[in-house]
Protein backbone atom coordinates (compact mmCIF):
# COMPACT_ATOMS: atom_id res chain seq x y z
CA MET A 1 -8.64 39.28 38.74
CA ALA A 2 -5.27 38.45 37.16
CA VAL A 3 -5.08 35.47 34.82
CA THR A 4 -2.92 32.72 36.33
CA GLU A 5 -1.93 29.19 35.39
CA PHE A 6 -4.39 27.85 37.96
CA SER A 7 -7.30 30.02 36.83
CA ILE A 8 -6.74 28.85 33.22
CA ILE A 9 -6.77 25.22 34.32
CA SER A 10 -9.85 25.71 36.50
CA ARG A 11 -11.86 27.62 33.91
CA TYR A 12 -11.05 25.75 30.71
CA PHE A 13 -9.88 22.24 31.54
CA SER A 14 -10.91 20.98 34.99
CA SER A 15 -14.30 19.71 33.80
CA LEU A 16 -12.79 17.27 31.28
CA GLY A 17 -11.41 14.73 33.75
CA ARG A 18 -14.19 12.21 34.39
CA GLY A 19 -13.46 8.60 33.49
CA GLU A 20 -13.97 5.09 34.78
CA ALA A 21 -10.27 4.55 35.44
CA VAL A 22 -9.73 7.97 37.07
CA GLU A 23 -9.43 7.81 40.85
CA LEU A 24 -7.94 11.30 41.11
CA GLY A 25 -7.74 13.84 38.29
CA VAL A 26 -6.84 17.51 37.98
CA GLY A 27 -6.09 19.37 41.20
CA ASP A 28 -3.30 17.50 42.98
CA ASP A 29 0.37 16.98 42.22
CA CYS A 30 -0.35 13.69 40.44
CA ALA A 31 -3.34 11.98 38.92
CA ILE A 32 -4.23 8.45 39.99
CA LEU A 33 -5.48 5.83 37.53
CA HIS A 34 -6.90 2.44 38.40
CA LEU A 35 -5.80 -0.65 36.45
CA ALA A 36 -7.41 -4.08 36.67
CA ASP A 37 -5.19 -6.86 38.01
CA ASP A 38 -4.72 -8.45 34.58
CA GLN A 39 -3.86 -5.18 32.82
CA ARG A 40 -0.67 -3.15 32.31
CA LEU A 41 -0.06 0.49 31.44
CA ALA A 42 0.74 1.77 27.94
CA THR A 43 1.81 5.39 27.53
CA SER A 44 3.02 7.66 24.74
CA MET A 45 3.60 11.38 24.15
CA ASP A 46 3.17 13.66 21.14
CA THR A 47 4.12 17.33 20.75
CA LEU A 48 2.52 19.68 18.21
CA VAL A 49 4.27 22.97 17.44
CA ALA A 50 2.57 25.87 15.66
CA GLY A 51 3.97 26.38 12.19
CA VAL A 52 5.44 22.87 12.17
CA HIS A 53 2.60 20.42 12.89
CA PHE A 54 -0.28 22.75 12.08
CA PRO A 55 -0.56 26.15 10.35
CA ASP A 56 -0.12 29.23 12.52
CA ASP A 57 -3.64 30.40 11.66
CA ALA A 58 -5.37 27.06 12.34
CA PHE A 59 -8.68 27.33 14.21
CA PRO A 60 -8.10 26.56 17.91
CA GLU A 61 -10.90 23.98 18.10
CA ASP A 62 -9.23 21.99 15.32
CA ILE A 63 -5.86 22.22 17.08
CA GLY A 64 -7.36 20.86 20.31
CA TYR A 65 -9.08 17.96 18.60
CA ARG A 66 -6.07 17.10 16.46
CA ALA A 67 -3.69 17.08 19.43
CA VAL A 68 -5.76 14.43 21.21
CA ALA A 69 -6.51 12.30 18.14
CA VAL A 70 -2.85 12.18 17.09
CA ALA A 71 -1.81 10.97 20.54
CA ALA A 72 -4.69 8.50 20.77
CA SER A 73 -3.52 6.93 17.51
CA ASP A 74 -0.41 5.63 19.31
CA LEU A 75 -2.68 3.71 21.68
CA ALA A 76 -4.51 2.26 18.68
CA ALA A 77 -1.23 1.11 17.15
CA MET A 78 -0.48 -0.86 20.33
CA GLY A 79 -4.01 -2.24 20.71
CA ALA A 80 -4.42 -0.37 24.00
CA SER A 81 -7.72 0.75 25.53
CA PRO A 82 -7.89 4.45 26.49
CA LEU A 83 -7.56 5.56 30.12
CA GLY A 84 -6.71 9.28 30.09
CA ILE A 85 -4.47 12.11 28.89
CA THR A 86 -2.36 14.91 30.27
CA VAL A 87 -1.83 18.14 28.32
CA ALA A 88 1.12 20.51 28.57
CA LEU A 89 0.11 23.79 26.96
CA THR A 90 2.58 26.56 26.11
CA LEU A 91 0.84 29.80 25.12
CA PRO A 92 2.06 33.18 23.84
CA GLY A 93 -0.69 34.78 25.94
CA ALA A 94 -3.96 34.06 27.76
CA ASP A 95 -6.37 34.84 24.93
CA GLU A 96 -9.93 34.07 26.07
CA PHE A 97 -11.34 33.24 22.62
CA TRP A 98 -8.40 30.97 21.80
CA LEU A 99 -8.64 29.12 25.11
CA THR A 100 -12.41 28.72 24.89
CA THR A 101 -12.40 27.27 21.40
CA PHE A 102 -9.29 25.16 22.02
CA SER A 103 -10.90 23.62 25.10
CA GLU A 104 -14.04 22.89 23.04
CA GLY A 105 -11.92 20.91 20.59
CA LEU A 106 -10.30 19.05 23.48
CA ALA A 107 -13.73 18.30 24.94
CA LEU A 108 -14.95 16.81 21.65
CA ALA A 109 -11.91 14.53 21.34
CA VAL A 110 -11.93 13.59 25.04
CA SER A 111 -15.53 12.45 24.62
CA GLU A 112 -14.95 10.75 21.25
CA TYR A 113 -12.00 8.68 22.48
CA SER A 114 -12.94 8.20 26.16
CA LEU A 115 -9.71 9.92 27.22
CA PRO A 116 -10.42 12.13 30.24
CA LEU A 117 -8.01 15.01 30.86
CA ILE A 118 -6.37 14.10 34.18
CA GLY A 119 -3.57 16.66 34.46
CA GLY A 120 -0.93 18.72 32.72
CA ASP A 121 0.82 22.05 32.78
CA THR A 122 0.46 25.56 31.34
CA THR A 123 3.27 28.01 30.68
CA LYS A 124 4.09 31.02 28.50
CA GLY A 125 6.02 30.76 25.26
CA PRO A 126 5.64 29.82 21.56
CA LEU A 127 2.41 27.90 20.94
CA THR A 128 3.11 24.23 21.68
CA ILE A 129 0.80 21.41 22.78
CA THR A 130 2.12 18.19 24.28
CA VAL A 131 -0.33 15.36 24.95
CA GLN A 132 0.58 12.26 26.90
CA VAL A 133 -1.84 9.35 26.57
CA PHE A 134 -2.37 6.48 28.97
CA GLY A 135 -3.97 3.17 28.02
CA SER A 136 -4.36 -0.35 29.29
CA LEU A 137 -3.22 -3.60 27.73
CA PRO A 138 -3.80 -7.24 28.70
CA SER A 139 -0.88 -8.60 30.68
CA LYS A 140 0.32 -10.82 27.84
CA LEU A 141 -0.86 -9.04 24.67
CA ALA A 142 0.28 -5.97 22.72
CA LEU A 143 0.69 -4.93 19.10
CA LEU A 144 4.38 -4.37 18.35
CA ARG A 145 6.37 -3.47 15.26
CA SER A 146 8.62 -6.50 15.58
CA GLY A 147 6.51 -9.61 14.90
CA ALA A 148 6.01 -9.69 11.11
CA ALA A 149 7.19 -12.85 9.33
CA ALA A 150 7.71 -13.84 5.71
CA GLY A 151 4.56 -15.21 4.08
CA GLU A 152 2.19 -12.84 5.88
CA LYS A 153 -0.01 -10.15 4.33
CA LEU A 154 0.23 -6.37 4.72
CA TYR A 155 -2.89 -4.24 5.30
CA VAL A 156 -3.95 -0.68 6.01
CA SER A 157 -7.12 0.76 7.46
CA GLY A 158 -9.21 3.48 5.82
CA THR A 159 -7.85 5.50 2.91
CA LEU A 160 -4.41 7.03 2.43
CA GLY A 161 -3.16 10.43 1.31
CA ASP A 162 -6.22 12.44 2.34
CA ALA A 163 -4.42 14.41 5.06
CA ALA A 164 -1.62 15.35 2.68
CA GLY A 165 -4.23 16.47 0.19
CA GLY A 166 -5.96 18.43 2.93
CA LEU A 167 -2.72 20.18 3.85
CA ALA A 168 -2.13 21.02 0.18
CA PHE A 169 -5.61 22.56 0.10
CA ILE A 170 -4.95 24.53 3.31
CA GLN A 171 -1.68 25.78 1.83
CA GLU A 172 -3.44 26.69 -1.44
CA LYS A 173 -1.40 24.20 -3.44
CA TRP A 174 -4.47 22.24 -4.58
CA GLN A 175 -8.08 23.24 -5.09
CA PRO A 176 -10.24 20.12 -4.76
CA GLU A 177 -13.75 19.93 -6.12
CA PRO A 178 -16.22 21.72 -3.78
CA GLU A 179 -17.79 18.46 -2.58
CA TYR A 180 -14.39 17.23 -1.37
CA ALA A 181 -12.90 20.37 0.18
CA ASP A 182 -14.32 19.94 3.69
CA TYR A 183 -13.56 16.21 3.64
CA VAL A 184 -9.83 16.54 2.96
CA MET A 185 -9.43 19.48 5.36
CA ASN A 186 -11.10 17.48 8.14
CA ARG A 187 -8.90 14.50 7.39
CA PHE A 188 -5.92 16.71 8.25
CA TYR A 189 -7.34 18.56 11.25
CA ARG A 190 -9.52 15.77 12.68
CA PRO A 191 -7.91 12.40 11.99
CA THR A 192 -9.53 9.22 13.27
CA ALA A 193 -7.58 7.19 15.82
CA ARG A 194 -8.44 3.54 15.09
CA LEU A 195 -8.78 2.42 18.71
CA GLN A 196 -11.46 -0.21 18.10
CA LEU A 197 -9.50 -1.77 15.25
CA GLY A 198 -6.32 -1.84 17.34
CA SER A 199 -8.10 -3.67 20.15
CA ALA A 200 -9.65 -6.12 17.67
CA LEU A 201 -6.21 -6.93 16.22
CA LEU A 202 -4.77 -7.99 19.59
CA GLY A 203 -3.70 -11.63 19.41
CA LYS A 204 -4.17 -11.62 15.61
CA ALA A 205 -1.92 -9.04 13.95
CA THR A 206 1.77 -9.89 14.13
CA SER A 207 2.90 -6.25 13.84
CA ALA A 208 1.33 -2.80 13.62
CA ILE A 209 2.11 0.91 13.41
CA ASP A 210 0.07 4.06 12.88
CA ILE A 211 0.81 6.06 9.74
CA SER A 212 2.05 9.45 10.88
CA ASP A 213 5.13 10.03 8.70
CA GLY A 214 3.89 8.36 5.52
CA LEU A 215 3.14 4.74 4.55
CA LEU A 216 6.59 3.99 3.14
CA ALA A 217 8.44 5.51 6.08
CA ASP A 218 6.28 3.84 8.72
CA ALA A 219 6.19 0.48 6.93
CA GLY A 220 9.97 0.77 7.01
CA HIS A 221 9.84 0.77 10.81
CA ILE A 222 7.96 -2.54 10.76
CA ALA A 223 10.44 -3.99 8.26
CA ALA A 224 13.43 -2.91 10.36
CA ALA A 225 11.99 -4.07 13.69
CA SER A 226 10.82 -7.42 12.27
CA GLY A 227 13.86 -8.11 10.07
CA VAL A 228 11.73 -8.60 6.94
CA ARG A 229 11.07 -6.97 3.57
CA LEU A 230 7.67 -5.45 2.82
CA THR A 231 6.51 -5.26 -0.79
CA ILE A 232 3.74 -2.73 -1.48
CA GLN A 233 1.53 -2.91 -4.57
CA SER A 234 0.58 0.61 -5.59
CA ALA A 235 -2.53 -0.55 -7.46
CA CYS A 236 -3.95 -1.81 -4.16
CA LEU A 237 -3.60 1.48 -2.26
CA PRO A 238 -7.00 2.59 -0.93
CA LEU A 239 -7.74 6.09 -2.23
CA SER A 240 -10.80 8.17 -1.39
CA ALA A 241 -13.05 9.67 -4.05
CA ALA A 242 -11.50 13.02 -3.14
CA LEU A 243 -7.98 11.89 -3.95
CA LYS A 244 -9.12 10.07 -7.09
CA SER A 245 -10.53 13.38 -8.31
CA HIS A 246 -7.05 14.95 -8.37
CA PRO A 247 -6.03 15.66 -11.98
CA ASP A 248 -2.52 14.28 -11.38
CA GLU A 249 -2.73 10.59 -10.57
CA ASN A 250 0.97 10.47 -9.70
CA GLN A 251 0.56 13.26 -7.13
CA ALA A 252 -2.35 11.46 -5.48
CA ARG A 253 -0.34 8.25 -5.31
CA GLN A 254 2.67 10.11 -3.91
CA TRP A 255 0.51 11.52 -1.12
CA ALA A 256 -0.81 8.05 -0.35
CA LEU A 257 2.68 6.59 -0.16
CA CYS A 258 4.61 9.40 1.50
CA GLY A 259 2.24 12.14 2.67
CA GLY A 260 1.72 11.17 6.29
CA ASP A 261 -0.73 12.50 8.91
CA ASP A 262 -3.43 9.94 8.00
CA TYR A 263 -3.11 8.08 11.34
CA GLU A 264 -4.47 4.92 9.78
CA LEU A 265 -3.08 1.58 10.96
CA CYS A 266 -0.61 -0.43 8.90
CA PHE A 267 -0.36 -4.05 10.08
CA THR A 268 0.50 -7.61 9.15
CA LEU A 269 -1.59 -10.75 9.48
CA PRO A 270 -0.95 -14.42 8.80
CA ALA A 271 -2.11 -15.37 5.31
CA HIS A 272 -5.13 -17.40 6.49
CA PHE A 273 -6.71 -14.49 8.40
CA PRO A 274 -9.64 -12.70 6.72
CA VAL A 275 -9.35 -9.01 5.86
CA PRO A 276 -10.71 -6.92 8.77
CA GLU A 277 -13.69 -4.72 7.94
CA GLY A 278 -12.67 -1.30 6.65
CA CYS A 279 -9.15 -2.48 5.79
CA THR A 280 -7.35 -3.16 2.51
CA TYR A 281 -4.66 -5.62 1.43
CA ILE A 282 -1.69 -3.69 0.03
CA GLY A 283 1.21 -6.15 -0.12
CA GLU A 284 3.30 -9.01 1.20
CA VAL A 285 5.86 -9.76 3.87
CA CYS A 286 8.97 -11.37 2.39
CA ALA A 287 12.42 -12.43 3.44
CA GLY A 288 14.97 -9.64 3.23
CA GLU A 289 14.98 -6.08 4.46
CA GLY A 290 13.46 -2.68 3.75
CA VAL A 291 10.38 -1.66 1.76
CA ASP A 292 9.83 -2.22 -1.93
CA CYS A 293 7.20 -0.49 -4.06
CA ASP A 294 6.40 -1.04 -7.73
CA VAL A 295 6.50 2.68 -8.58
CA PRO A 296 9.53 4.99 -8.61
CA VAL A 297 9.35 6.75 -5.25
CA ASP A 298 11.89 7.46 -2.54
CA THR A 299 11.27 4.69 -0.02
CA ALA A 300 13.07 6.75 2.64
CA SER A 301 10.77 9.72 2.13
CA GLY A 302 8.17 10.85 4.59
CA TYR A 303 8.05 13.45 7.32
CA ARG A 304 11.30 14.08 9.20
CA HIS A 305 11.74 16.30 12.23
CA PHE A 306 15.38 17.10 11.47
């Protein structure tokens, strides 16, 4: 039997579409999602291209997981609750091993983030994965980039720079200690979308963004949208034991400030709010514009598509 678009969908992806909000999933021209009366839809899209967003020889299971987690992080940055995803998959060919392991990675992430696969598309061409996420938000609440005000505090979740360190390891530019090798590689291939934190920050945080292009670059988006200046204190940056083990402290700090791909949340809170669990104070919101850091780095640096 010839391999077709529909046989690929049926064999590898049709079982991943069960979810509480899913009224109709894979199989028709559109999926149908149910929203409660007091909720509204949040949606975002991310595209991953082989050789650009992940190495050409990356394991397919890691690619599948990463594609979902990266997209889910946008929901976290808005404080949205997950509803479902669609996946557009462009493949050089219908390789059975690749499809099987890729779908296993998707299945793990779909389960982890409660994001059933409700539709998509498959076509032939250079390896590219586009994931569109759908989430729900209360009718009058959302985390935006535009609400920060002078006098507030700046925070990040988790630790920073691990994914950049992981990519350096993958590219054989850094050899971490054996006990840290798997950790940094997983931080690149299997980032954690902070969905629970995003939901908890609704009605509290005045602005938020997920760190995809690097802390300085993404903090700059908050500063620009809010019309404020963010000052970052490098001594406060949360670094993992893996990054602290790097022999070049300046390189580790550069990864934390500019490396990107961590998908942690950067957000602002009024000064009287307590620090959320698992988060770290890193600076202040001031009058002015742009981002200021107390170490000599390029505040415009970070990942750029063009």
